[in-house]
Amino acid sequence: MAFRPLHDRVVIRRLESEEKTRGGIIIPDTAKEKPQEGAVVAVGPGLRDDSGKLTPLDVRAGDRVLFGKWSGTEIKIDGEDLLILKEADILGIVA
């Protein structure tokens, strides 16, 4: 299924975090926090200003981004867990 977000929304696939600490201790699934880093899957066309001019988004599909811990809405598309959030909720792009 093809999915395209509207306006300034972005679809993100969470990237899995490490399962071990630096010291080699394995972290069980129940103690893991959800990752705050993800890959952009799709972006909306942008946001319109008061005059109706379209302002494109700064992120593109394929970018690795950091986002806030409680940001966005979790959805499931074609059996895959994804996150939809506004571009303002993205903290930055990982180079």
C-alpha atoms as a PDB file:
ATOM      1  CA  MET A   1       0.000   0.000   0.000  1.00  0.00           C
ATOM      2  CA  ALA A   2       1.311   3.438  -0.898  1.00  0.00           C
ATOM      3  CA  PHE A   3       0.931   6.078   1.824  1.00  0.00           C
ATOM      4  CA  ARG A   4       1.605   9.796   1.444  1.00  0.00           C
ATOM      5  CA  PRO A   5       1.269  12.055   4.492  1.00  0.00           C
ATOM      6  CA  LEU A   6      -0.498  15.402   4.228  1.00  0.00           C
ATOM      7  CA  HIS A   7       0.842  18.903   4.842  1.00  0.00           C
ATOM      8  CA  ASP A   8       3.934  19.007   7.114  1.00  0.00           C
ATOM      9  CA  ARG A   9       3.689  15.440   8.395  1.00  0.00           C
ATOM     10  CA  VAL A  10       6.486  12.871   8.149  1.00  0.00           C
ATOM     11  CA  VAL A  11       6.359   9.055   8.315  1.00  0.00           C
ATOM     12  CA  ILE A  12       9.279   7.504  10.218  1.00  0.00           C
ATOM     13  CA  ARG A  13      10.486   3.931  10.753  1.00  0.00           C
ATOM     14  CA  ARG A  14      12.173   3.592  14.149  1.00  0.00           C
ATOM     15  CA  LEU A  15      15.746   2.293  14.047  1.00  0.00           C
ATOM     16  CA  GLU A  16      16.497  -0.471  16.525  1.00  0.00           C
ATOM     17  CA  SER A  17      18.759   0.390  19.443  1.00  0.00           C
ATOM     18  CA  GLU A  18      21.696  -1.638  20.695  1.00  0.00           C
ATOM     19  CA  GLU A  19      20.841  -4.757  22.678  1.00  0.00           C
ATOM     20  CA  LYS A  20      24.020  -4.555  24.758  1.00  0.00           C
ATOM     21  CA  THR A  21      25.526  -1.851  26.913  1.00  0.00           C
ATOM     22  CA  ARG A  22      29.124  -0.750  26.399  1.00  0.00           C
ATOM     23  CA  GLY A  23      30.128  -3.091  29.208  1.00  0.00           C
ATOM     24  CA  GLY A  24      28.592  -6.087  27.420  1.00  0.00           C
ATOM     25  CA  ILE A  25      25.437  -6.450  29.491  1.00  0.00           C
ATOM     26  CA  ILE A  26      22.478  -7.627  27.401  1.00  0.00           C
ATOM     27  CA  ILE A  27      19.344  -5.506  27.863  1.00  0.00           C
ATOM     28  CA  PRO A  28      16.059  -7.490  27.909  1.00  0.00           C
ATOM     29  CA  ASP A  29      13.175  -6.316  25.707  1.00  0.00           C
ATOM     30  CA  THR A  30      11.085  -5.332  28.724  1.00  0.00           C
ATOM     31  CA  ALA A  31      13.742  -2.876  29.953  1.00  0.00           C
ATOM     32  CA  LYS A  32      14.479  -1.245  26.587  1.00  0.00           C
ATOM     33  CA  GLU A  33      13.262   2.227  25.792  1.00  0.00           C
ATOM     34  CA  LYS A  34      11.833   2.942  22.373  1.00  0.00           C
ATOM     35  CA  PRO A  35      14.483   4.390  20.082  1.00  0.00           C
ATOM     36  CA  GLN A  36      14.396   8.108  19.367  1.00  0.00           C
ATOM     37  CA  GLU A  37      16.190   7.733  16.054  1.00  0.00           C
ATOM     38  CA  GLY A  38      14.518   6.773  12.814  1.00  0.00           C
ATOM     39  CA  ALA A  39      14.601   6.755   9.038  1.00  0.00           C
ATOM     40  CA  VAL A  40      12.217   8.970   7.100  1.00  0.00           C
ATOM     41  CA  VAL A  41       9.940   6.836   4.905  1.00  0.00           C
ATOM     42  CA  ALA A  42       7.707   9.535   3.374  1.00  0.00           C
ATOM     43  CA  VAL A  43       7.121  13.277   3.677  1.00  0.00           C
ATOM     44  CA  GLY A  44       4.155  15.502   2.943  1.00  0.00           C
ATOM     45  CA  PRO A  45       4.269  18.298   0.346  1.00  0.00           C
ATOM     46  CA  GLY A  46       4.791  21.047   2.914  1.00  0.00           C
ATOM     47  CA  LEU A  47       2.906  23.687   4.833  1.00  0.00           C
ATOM     48  CA  ARG A  48       1.049  26.659   3.339  1.00  0.00           C
ATOM     49  CA  ASP A  49       1.615  30.117   4.801  1.00  0.00           C
ATOM     50  CA  ASP A  50      -1.043  32.847   5.155  1.00  0.00           C
ATOM     51  CA  SER A  51      -0.698  33.904   1.514  1.00  0.00           C
ATOM     52  CA  GLY A  52      -1.157  30.319   0.284  1.00  0.00           C
ATOM     53  CA  LYS A  53       2.465  29.794  -0.739  1.00  0.00           C
ATOM     54  CA  LEU A  54       3.725  26.216  -0.210  1.00  0.00           C
ATOM     55  CA  THR A  55       6.817  25.916   2.015  1.00  0.00           C
ATOM     56  CA  PRO A  56       8.591  22.573   1.358  1.00  0.00           C
ATOM     57  CA  LEU A  57       9.942  20.453   4.224  1.00  0.00           C
ATOM     58  CA  ASP A  58      13.643  20.272   5.148  1.00  0.00           C
ATOM     59  CA  VAL A  59      13.675  16.474   5.524  1.00  0.00           C
ATOM     60  CA  ARG A  60      13.534  13.969   2.673  1.00  0.00           C
ATOM     61  CA  ALA A  61      12.790  10.264   2.421  1.00  0.00           C
ATOM     62  CA  GLY A  62      15.867   8.293   3.489  1.00  0.00           C
ATOM     63  CA  ASP A  63      17.163  10.849   6.034  1.00  0.00           C
ATOM     64  CA  ARG A  64      18.107   9.601   9.520  1.00  0.00           C
ATOM     65  CA  VAL A  65      16.533  11.847  12.136  1.00  0.00           C
ATOM     66  CA  LEU A  66      16.230  12.286  15.893  1.00  0.00           C
ATOM     67  CA  PHE A  67      12.830  13.040  17.382  1.00  0.00           C
ATOM     68  CA  GLY A  68      11.295  13.635  20.805  1.00  0.00           C
ATOM     69  CA  LYS A  69      10.540  10.723  23.115  1.00  0.00           C
ATOM     70  CA  TRP A  70       6.755  11.224  23.175  1.00  0.00           C
ATOM     71  CA  SER A  71       6.353  12.642  19.658  1.00  0.00           C
ATOM     72  CA  GLY A  72       3.961  11.468  16.987  1.00  0.00           C
ATOM     73  CA  THR A  73       1.314   8.821  16.523  1.00  0.00           C
ATOM     74  CA  GLU A  74       2.147   5.143  16.142  1.00  0.00           C
ATOM     75  CA  ILE A  75       0.468   3.386  13.202  1.00  0.00           C
ATOM     76  CA  LYS A  76       0.730   0.031  11.457  1.00  0.00           C
ATOM     77  CA  ILE A  77       0.837  -0.105   7.637  1.00  0.00           C
ATOM     78  CA  ASP A  78       1.199  -3.447   5.859  1.00  0.00           C
ATOM     79  CA  GLY A  79       2.221  -5.058   9.165  1.00  0.00           C
ATOM     80  CA  GLU A  80       5.042  -2.570   9.786  1.00  0.00           C
ATOM     81  CA  ASP A  81       5.081  -0.291  12.839  1.00  0.00           C
ATOM     82  CA  LEU A  82       5.610   3.321  11.772  1.00  0.00           C
ATOM     83  CA  LEU A  83       5.364   6.747  13.373  1.00  0.00           C
ATOM     84  CA  ILE A  84       3.658   9.848  11.943  1.00  0.00           C
ATOM     85  CA  LEU A  85       4.733  13.204  13.305  1.00  0.00           C
ATOM     86  CA  LYS A  86       4.947  16.831  12.289  1.00  0.00           C
ATOM     87  CA  GLU A  87       8.221  18.212  10.987  1.00  0.00           C
ATOM     88  CA  ALA A  88       8.424  20.507  14.043  1.00  0.00           C
ATOM     89  CA  ASP A  89       8.731  17.400  16.267  1.00  0.00           C
ATOM     90  CA  ILE A  90      11.963  16.372  14.512  1.00  0.00           C
ATOM     91  CA  LEU A  91      14.966  17.569  16.508  1.00  0.00           C
ATOM     92  CA  GLY A  92      17.593  17.162  13.783  1.00  0.00           C
ATOM     93  CA  ILE A  93      19.049  15.183  10.908  1.00  0.00           C
ATOM     94  CA  VAL A  94      21.874  12.730  11.660  1.00  0.00           C
ATOM     95  CA  ALA A  95      24.699  13.136   9.166  1.00  0.00           C
END
